[in-house]
Amino acid sequence: MTQLVVVAKAPVPGRVKTRLCPPCRPDQAALVAAAALADSLAAGGATAFDPLTLLLDGRHPAPPGWRAVPQRGGDLGDRLAHGFGDSAVAGHGTVLIGMDTPQVTAELLDAARRELATVDAVLGPAEDGGWWALGLRDPRDAVVLRAVPMSTPDTGALTLAALCRRGLRVGLLPTLRDVDTAADAHAVARSCRPGSAFARAVATHVPVGVGA
């Protein structure tokens, strides 16, 4: 069995999606972030993962069928490493994603789950050089994240190198674009499925023609 963990920050104005400001106001950026989280959770809820876990910084309601685990630790690498351990379920692997790729689908997540059954780790690269998904058969292997600089153009490559140095067999997932800027928001919204909360939020709250 494999669990899905969605890493999220409560969508509070001024604390999330700050790189959308400008052109957005902080309250608009928070609504975009909330929609991105909603789409990510909806995709996860349509998969065969069990359990479903929200690894949360701040206060935000977990949907039915999800359990909430608080984030702890210092920088992002430390919090992710703690998150793998704190959410671990005996006998289960973990696929962890963020809330910045609302275009992710249940089919893609289930493919990651199946891939993890054949290797020690899976990594989903992001277009900006980071990563959008990391799956580990053994949560103890997440210790490598503490030594990887996060939110840099080579975070993905450094994460892959660290996993390989640990002797893990790593499978690569498709590359996705995550949402940091207005340009990202417009591009990702165009790749979301019909009915996407994120696409509606971008259309409403990210000015048309700005960063597109």
Protein backbone atom coordinates (compact mmCIF):
# COMPACT_ATOMS: atom_id res chain seq x y z
CA MET A 1 0.00 0.00 0.00
CA THR A 2 1.02 3.60 -0.57
CA GLN A 3 -0.16 6.82 1.00
CA LEU A 4 -0.46 10.22 -0.65
CA VAL A 5 0.74 13.30 1.21
CA VAL A 6 -0.15 16.80 0.02
CA VAL A 7 2.10 19.47 1.52
CA ALA A 8 0.16 22.69 2.02
CA LYS A 9 0.27 26.08 3.62
CA ALA A 10 -3.00 27.50 4.88
CA PRO A 11 -4.20 30.04 2.27
CA VAL A 12 -3.86 33.15 4.42
CA PRO A 13 -3.39 36.52 2.66
CA GLY A 14 0.21 37.65 2.85
CA ARG A 15 1.54 34.15 3.57
CA VAL A 16 0.87 32.32 0.29
CA LYS A 17 1.59 32.95 -3.37
CA THR A 18 3.35 36.20 -2.57
CA ARG A 19 5.08 36.16 -5.97
CA LEU A 20 1.67 36.75 -7.55
CA CYS A 21 1.67 40.19 -5.92
CA PRO A 22 1.61 42.24 -8.07
CA PRO A 23 -0.48 41.95 -10.16
CA CYS A 24 -2.69 40.33 -7.52
CA ARG A 25 -3.57 41.70 -4.11
CA PRO A 26 -2.68 39.43 -1.17
CA ASP A 27 -6.33 38.43 -0.74
CA GLN A 28 -6.57 37.47 -4.41
CA ALA A 29 -3.34 35.46 -4.21
CA ALA A 30 -4.75 33.60 -1.21
CA LEU A 31 -7.90 32.70 -3.17
CA VAL A 32 -5.74 31.38 -6.02
CA ALA A 33 -3.75 29.33 -3.52
CA ALA A 34 -6.92 27.95 -1.94
CA ALA A 35 -8.18 26.90 -5.38
CA ALA A 36 -4.85 25.23 -6.21
CA LEU A 37 -5.06 23.27 -2.97
CA ALA A 38 -8.68 22.31 -3.66
CA ASP A 39 -7.81 20.92 -7.09
CA SER A 40 -4.80 19.04 -5.71
CA LEU A 41 -6.91 17.45 -2.99
CA ALA A 42 -9.67 16.59 -5.46
CA ALA A 43 -7.18 14.79 -7.70
CA GLY A 44 -5.71 12.94 -4.74
CA GLY A 45 -9.14 11.95 -3.49
CA ALA A 46 -9.90 10.24 -6.80
CA THR A 47 -6.89 7.90 -6.56
CA ALA A 48 -6.27 4.48 -5.03
CA PHE A 49 -3.87 5.85 -2.39
CA ASP A 50 -4.56 4.93 1.22
CA PRO A 51 -4.36 6.82 3.47
CA LEU A 52 -4.70 10.38 2.22
CA THR A 53 -2.75 12.91 4.31
CA LEU A 54 -2.66 16.70 4.39
CA LEU A 55 0.71 17.88 5.74
CA LEU A 56 -0.30 21.33 6.88
CA ASP A 57 1.37 24.57 7.88
CA GLY A 58 -1.32 26.58 9.66
CA ARG A 59 -5.02 25.89 10.09
CA HIS A 60 -7.18 24.64 7.23
CA PRO A 61 -9.95 22.02 7.20
CA ALA A 62 -9.03 18.61 5.83
CA PRO A 63 -11.63 17.20 3.41
CA PRO A 64 -13.60 14.09 4.36
CA GLY A 65 -11.40 11.03 4.01
CA TRP A 66 -8.21 12.96 4.68
CA ARG A 67 -6.18 13.11 7.87
CA ALA A 68 -4.22 16.21 8.83
CA VAL A 69 -0.64 16.11 10.11
CA PRO A 70 1.03 19.38 11.19
CA GLN A 71 4.29 20.48 9.65
CA ARG A 72 7.25 20.99 11.96
CA GLY A 73 10.90 21.84 11.64
CA GLY A 74 13.05 24.66 10.33
CA ASP A 75 13.64 25.25 6.63
CA LEU A 76 11.66 23.52 3.89
CA GLY A 77 14.03 20.58 3.53
CA ASP A 78 13.83 19.90 7.26
CA ARG A 79 10.02 20.19 7.27
CA LEU A 80 9.72 17.78 4.34
CA ALA A 81 12.02 15.28 6.02
CA HIS A 82 9.98 15.51 9.22
CA GLY A 83 6.81 15.25 7.16
CA PHE A 84 7.78 11.91 5.66
CA GLY A 85 8.52 10.56 9.13
CA ASP A 86 5.56 12.12 10.95
CA SER A 87 3.04 10.88 8.36
CA ALA A 88 4.59 7.44 7.92
CA VAL A 89 2.33 4.40 8.06
CA ALA A 90 3.90 1.02 8.77
CA GLY A 91 4.25 -1.03 5.61
CA HIS A 92 3.31 1.87 3.33
CA GLY A 93 5.35 3.89 0.88
CA THR A 94 4.65 7.60 0.48
CA VAL A 95 4.16 9.84 -2.54
CA LEU A 96 4.40 13.49 -1.51
CA ILE A 97 3.27 16.40 -3.68
CA GLY A 98 2.86 20.12 -3.14
CA MET A 99 -0.15 22.36 -3.75
CA ASP A 100 1.49 24.23 -6.64
CA THR A 101 0.60 21.83 -9.48
CA PRO A 102 -3.22 21.97 -9.59
CA GLN A 103 -3.16 20.49 -13.10
CA VAL A 104 -2.12 17.14 -11.62
CA THR A 105 -4.57 14.33 -12.34
CA ALA A 106 -5.62 11.21 -10.50
CA GLU A 107 -4.26 9.19 -13.39
CA LEU A 108 -0.81 10.75 -13.07
CA LEU A 109 -0.78 10.23 -9.31
CA ASP A 110 -1.83 6.60 -9.64
CA ALA A 111 0.93 6.10 -12.20
CA ALA A 112 3.41 7.44 -9.64
CA ARG A 113 2.01 5.01 -7.07
CA ARG A 114 2.47 2.09 -9.43
CA GLU A 115 5.99 3.20 -10.35
CA LEU A 116 6.99 3.37 -6.69
CA ALA A 117 6.11 -0.31 -6.34
CA THR A 118 8.99 -1.14 -8.71
CA VAL A 119 11.74 1.21 -7.44
CA ASP A 120 12.94 2.77 -4.18
CA ALA A 121 11.96 6.34 -5.02
CA VAL A 122 10.18 8.39 -7.67
CA LEU A 123 10.84 12.04 -8.50
CA GLY A 124 8.67 14.39 -10.53
CA PRO A 125 10.76 17.25 -11.94
CA ALA A 126 9.33 20.76 -12.24
CA GLU A 127 10.00 23.05 -15.20
CA ASP A 128 11.70 25.64 -12.96
CA GLY A 129 14.33 23.13 -11.82
CA GLY A 130 12.61 22.00 -8.65
CA TRP A 131 10.34 19.00 -8.18
CA TRP A 132 6.59 18.57 -7.76
CA ALA A 133 6.51 15.00 -6.41
CA LEU A 134 8.76 12.76 -4.38
CA GLY A 135 7.88 9.17 -3.55
CA LEU A 136 9.81 7.00 -1.10
CA ARG A 137 9.36 3.37 -0.18
CA ASP A 138 11.17 4.04 3.13
CA PRO A 139 10.46 7.38 4.86
CA ARG A 140 13.90 7.30 6.49
CA ASP A 141 15.41 8.10 3.09
CA ALA A 142 13.88 11.58 3.34
CA VAL A 143 16.84 12.53 5.54
CA VAL A 144 18.68 13.47 2.32
CA LEU A 145 16.35 16.48 1.91
CA ARG A 146 17.93 18.24 4.85
CA ALA A 147 21.11 18.75 2.81
CA VAL A 148 19.39 19.84 -0.42
CA PRO A 149 18.89 23.58 -1.02
CA MET A 150 15.21 24.14 -1.76
CA SER A 151 13.57 26.59 -4.18
CA THR A 152 16.61 26.90 -6.43
CA PRO A 153 17.01 26.16 -10.16
CA ASP A 154 18.93 22.97 -9.34
CA THR A 155 16.87 21.63 -6.45
CA GLY A 156 15.54 18.79 -8.60
CA ALA A 157 18.96 17.74 -9.87
CA LEU A 158 20.45 17.93 -6.37
CA THR A 159 17.59 15.87 -4.94
CA LEU A 160 18.06 13.21 -7.60
CA ALA A 161 21.81 13.13 -6.94
CA ALA A 162 21.26 12.81 -3.20
CA LEU A 163 18.84 9.90 -3.64
CA CYS A 164 21.27 8.14 -5.98
CA ARG A 165 24.19 8.63 -3.58
CA ARG A 166 22.07 6.88 -0.96
CA GLY A 167 21.95 3.88 -3.28
CA LEU A 168 18.29 4.21 -4.22
CA ARG A 169 16.78 3.17 -7.54
CA VAL A 170 14.90 6.26 -8.73
CA GLY A 171 12.13 6.40 -11.30
CA LEU A 172 11.37 9.73 -12.99
CA LEU A 173 7.83 11.05 -13.42
CA PRO A 174 6.63 13.51 -16.08
CA THR A 175 7.77 17.12 -15.74
CA LEU A 176 5.11 19.63 -14.66
CA ARG A 177 5.03 23.41 -14.37
CA ASP A 178 4.35 24.69 -10.88
CA VAL A 179 2.75 28.00 -9.98
CA ASP A 180 4.90 30.81 -8.66
CA THR A 181 4.26 33.82 -10.90
CA ALA A 182 1.32 35.24 -12.82
CA ALA A 183 2.78 33.77 -16.01
CA ASP A 184 2.82 30.35 -14.36
CA ALA A 185 -0.75 30.79 -13.16
CA HIS A 186 -2.08 31.59 -16.62
CA ALA A 187 -0.14 28.73 -18.26
CA VAL A 188 -1.15 26.14 -15.68
CA ALA A 189 -4.77 27.26 -15.74
CA ARG A 190 -4.87 26.53 -19.47
CA SER A 191 -3.73 22.95 -18.81
CA CYS A 192 -6.26 22.22 -16.05
CA ARG A 193 -9.27 20.05 -16.59
CA PRO A 194 -12.75 21.53 -17.21
CA GLY A 195 -14.35 22.66 -13.97
CA SER A 196 -11.02 23.37 -12.30
CA ALA A 197 -11.31 25.62 -9.25
CA PHE A 198 -7.82 26.92 -9.98
CA ALA A 199 -8.65 27.88 -13.56
CA ARG A 200 -11.74 29.77 -12.33
CA ALA A 201 -9.72 31.53 -9.64
CA VAL A 202 -7.05 32.62 -12.12
CA ALA A 203 -9.67 33.91 -14.54
CA THR A 204 -11.26 35.92 -11.73
CA HIS A 205 -8.31 37.12 -9.69
CA VAL A 206 -5.21 37.25 -11.93
CA PRO A 207 -5.63 40.19 -14.33
CA VAL A 208 -6.02 39.17 -17.95
CA GLY A 209 -2.95 39.85 -20.05
CA VAL A 210 -0.66 40.37 -17.05
CA GLY A 211 2.10 37.78 -16.97
CA ALA A 212 0.29 35.65 -19.55
